[in-house]
């Protein structure tokens, strides 16, 4: 059963004894966020969300509630880590890992995701949100694409990334237009 595979692969391996957060996609700031404390609770709450929102939202995310609330958001462009975003979710917690380690981890996580999902659009702007477990293991909290918030304490980095994203999509649109003229 899919729940058994999911439980063994994710839930049990990331259980820090603090429960789980269930979130719907395309929402921010805790909108439609629920907490669960067991597998049965997770299943029940997902079923309730599905009944309420099945016409609007395609899935529900399940994330471990981490003991260390510190989260880093690494902004990548074309698979290369560019900078660590600042943002409202960088809650108090224990700072972890070095900047190079976070950047390398984010790039490796994106490579693994791209390998597992070869049709996913990962060659433009992406953001990898990272937590660290109580045992020191870095874990991906979320992968964000396309319109990922990429706030930066250094405005120059964001301006550079914004410009590169614009140039990238101009190139993609030109190639589509060029292909349509060849037909």
Protein backbone atom coordinates (compact mmCIF):
# COMPACT_ATOMS: atom_id res chain seq x y z
CA UNK A 1 0.00 0.00 0.00
CA UNK A 2 1.27 3.49 -0.86
CA UNK A 3 0.80 4.76 2.72
CA UNK A 4 3.11 2.00 4.02
CA UNK A 5 5.85 2.91 1.51
CA UNK A 6 5.46 6.61 2.28
CA UNK A 7 5.47 5.95 6.01
CA UNK A 8 8.67 3.89 5.92
CA UNK A 9 10.48 6.20 3.51
CA UNK A 10 9.56 9.58 4.90
CA UNK A 11 7.50 9.73 8.05
CA UNK A 12 9.47 7.35 10.24
CA UNK A 13 12.88 8.59 9.01
CA UNK A 14 12.06 12.23 9.75
CA UNK A 15 10.15 11.82 12.99
CA UNK A 16 11.55 14.13 15.67
CA UNK A 17 8.56 13.54 17.92
CA UNK A 18 7.00 16.94 17.20
CA UNK A 19 4.26 15.92 14.81
CA UNK A 20 3.59 16.90 11.23
CA UNK A 21 2.43 19.93 9.28
CA UNK A 22 -0.07 19.46 6.47
CA UNK A 23 -0.14 22.32 3.97
CA UNK A 24 -1.90 22.92 0.73
CA UNK A 25 0.04 24.19 -2.28
CA UNK A 26 -0.16 27.75 -3.56
CA UNK A 27 -0.77 29.15 -0.08
CA UNK A 28 1.49 31.12 2.24
CA UNK A 29 1.68 32.38 5.80
CA UNK A 30 -0.04 29.41 7.38
CA UNK A 31 -3.22 29.62 5.31
CA UNK A 32 -4.86 26.20 5.39
CA UNK A 33 -2.12 24.66 7.55
CA UNK A 34 -3.01 21.78 9.88
CA UNK A 35 -1.01 19.89 12.49
CA UNK A 36 -1.08 16.11 12.95
CA UNK A 37 0.50 13.93 15.62
CA UNK A 38 0.24 10.41 14.16
CA UNK A 39 -0.17 8.57 10.87
CA UNK A 40 -3.88 8.13 11.56
CA UNK A 41 -4.21 11.85 12.25
CA UNK A 42 -2.37 12.65 8.99
CA UNK A 43 -4.71 10.44 6.97
CA UNK A 44 -7.81 11.88 8.64
CA UNK A 45 -6.76 15.49 8.08
CA UNK A 46 -5.78 14.89 4.46
CA UNK A 47 -9.17 13.26 3.87
CA UNK A 48 -10.92 16.30 5.41
CA UNK A 49 -8.87 18.74 3.32
CA UNK A 50 -9.59 16.71 0.20
CA UNK A 51 -13.33 16.77 0.78
CA UNK A 52 -13.27 20.53 1.30
CA UNK A 53 -10.77 21.55 -1.38
CA UNK A 54 -10.71 18.78 -4.03
CA UNK A 55 -12.01 21.09 -6.76
CA UNK A 56 -9.37 23.75 -6.04
CA UNK A 57 -6.12 22.11 -4.93
CA UNK A 58 -4.48 19.00 -6.38
CA UNK A 59 -2.54 17.74 -3.35
CA UNK A 60 -1.51 18.24 0.27
CA UNK A 61 2.10 18.45 1.48
CA UNK A 62 3.19 16.64 4.64
CA UNK A 63 6.24 18.08 6.39
CA UNK A 64 7.88 17.06 9.63
CA UNK A 65 7.69 19.63 12.43
CA UNK A 66 11.35 20.20 13.14
CA UNK A 67 12.84 20.80 16.57
CA UNK A 68 15.19 23.37 15.05
CA UNK A 69 12.99 26.05 13.44
CA UNK A 70 15.86 27.72 11.58
CA UNK A 71 15.26 27.41 7.83
CA UNK A 72 17.51 28.48 5.01
CA UNK A 73 16.22 29.26 1.54
CA UNK A 74 18.85 28.83 -1.15
CA UNK A 75 18.11 30.52 -4.49
CA UNK A 76 19.36 28.71 -7.60
CA UNK A 77 19.41 29.72 -11.24
CA UNK A 78 20.12 27.13 -13.94
CA UNK A 79 21.05 24.65 -11.21
CA UNK A 80 23.68 26.87 -9.62
CA UNK A 81 23.23 28.16 -6.07
CA UNK A 82 23.40 31.95 -6.15
CA UNK A 83 22.67 33.12 -2.60
CA UNK A 84 20.78 32.38 0.61
CA UNK A 85 17.51 34.29 0.66
CA UNK A 86 16.43 36.22 3.69
CA UNK A 87 12.81 36.07 4.57
CA UNK A 88 10.16 35.94 7.24
CA UNK A 89 10.43 32.17 7.72
CA UNK A 90 14.01 32.30 9.03
CA UNK A 91 12.70 31.72 12.54
CA UNK A 92 14.76 31.52 15.67
CA UNK A 93 16.72 28.37 16.01
CA UNK A 94 20.21 27.05 15.99
CA UNK A 95 22.22 28.26 13.01
CA UNK A 96 23.68 25.30 11.20
CA UNK A 97 26.14 24.35 8.51
CA UNK A 98 28.38 26.65 6.56
CA UNK A 99 27.21 28.70 3.59
CA UNK A 100 29.18 26.52 1.12
CA UNK A 101 27.69 23.35 2.65
CA UNK A 102 24.15 24.75 2.31
CA UNK A 103 24.78 25.85 -1.29
CA UNK A 104 26.25 22.44 -2.22
CA UNK A 105 23.37 20.61 -0.51
CA UNK A 106 20.78 22.71 -2.39
CA UNK A 107 22.45 22.02 -5.76
CA UNK A 108 22.64 18.29 -5.02
CA UNK A 109 18.99 18.21 -3.90
CA UNK A 110 17.92 19.90 -7.13
CA UNK A 111 19.99 17.44 -9.20
CA UNK A 112 18.35 14.50 -7.41
CA UNK A 113 14.89 15.98 -7.95
CA UNK A 114 15.60 16.63 -11.65
CA UNK A 115 16.86 13.06 -12.04
CA UNK A 116 13.77 11.59 -10.35
CA UNK A 117 11.40 13.91 -12.27
CA UNK A 118 12.96 14.38 -15.73
CA UNK A 119 10.01 16.40 -17.05
CA UNK A 120 10.08 18.95 -14.22
CA UNK A 121 11.03 22.50 -15.16
CA UNK A 122 14.14 23.13 -13.07
CA UNK A 123 16.40 25.05 -15.44
CA UNK A 124 15.30 28.53 -14.41
CA UNK A 125 14.68 30.08 -11.00
CA UNK A 126 14.38 27.55 -8.15
CA UNK A 127 14.54 27.77 -4.39
CA UNK A 128 15.46 24.94 -2.02
CA UNK A 129 14.27 25.38 1.58
CA UNK A 130 16.49 23.52 4.05
CA UNK A 131 16.16 22.43 7.69
CA UNK A 132 18.56 20.47 9.85
CA UNK A 133 17.45 17.56 12.03
CA UNK A 134 18.43 17.11 15.66
CA UNK A 135 21.06 14.60 14.48
CA UNK A 136 22.64 17.21 12.18
CA UNK A 137 21.29 15.88 8.88
CA UNK A 138 20.29 18.51 6.29
CA UNK A 139 16.83 17.90 4.84
CA UNK A 140 14.83 19.54 2.08
CA UNK A 141 11.67 21.14 3.38
CA UNK A 142 10.41 22.38 0.01
CA UNK A 143 11.44 22.96 -3.58
CA UNK A 144 9.93 26.08 -5.11
CA UNK A 145 9.98 26.90 -8.78
CA UNK A 146 9.27 29.65 -11.29
CA UNK A 147 7.84 32.33 -9.04
CA UNK A 148 9.79 31.39 -5.93
CA UNK A 149 10.18 34.27 -3.53
CA UNK A 150 13.86 35.10 -3.67
CA UNK A 151 14.32 37.99 -1.25
CA UNK A 152 17.93 38.87 -0.71
CA UNK A 153 19.77 41.04 1.77
CA UNK A 154 22.08 42.07 -1.06
CA UNK A 155 19.86 43.83 -3.63
CA UNK A 156 22.49 43.39 -6.34
CA UNK A 157 22.14 39.59 -6.24
CA UNK A 158 18.38 39.77 -6.67
CA UNK A 159 18.65 42.31 -9.50
CA UNK A 160 21.16 40.04 -11.25
CA UNK A 161 18.95 36.95 -10.84
CA UNK A 162 15.82 38.86 -11.95
CA UNK A 163 17.66 40.01 -15.08
CA UNK A 164 18.93 36.49 -15.82
CA UNK A 165 15.41 35.06 -15.39
CA UNK A 166 14.05 37.68 -17.82
CA UNK A 167 16.78 36.92 -20.38
CA UNK A 168 16.21 33.19 -19.95
CA UNK A 169 12.48 33.44 -20.70
CA UNK A 170 13.12 35.78 -23.62
CA UNK A 171 15.43 33.09 -25.04
CA UNK A 172 12.80 30.36 -24.47
CA UNK A 173 10.06 32.45 -26.13
CA UNK A 174 12.32 33.28 -29.09
CA UNK A 175 13.07 29.58 -29.60
CA UNK A 176 9.33 28.77 -29.55
CA UNK A 177 8.64 31.53 -32.08
CA UNK A 178 11.55 30.40 -34.27
CA UNK A 179 10.29 26.78 -34.20
CA UNK A 180 6.77 27.87 -35.19
CA UNK A 181 8.16 29.72 -38.24
CA UNK A 182 9.97 26.58 -39.40
CA UNK A 183 6.73 24.62 -39.73
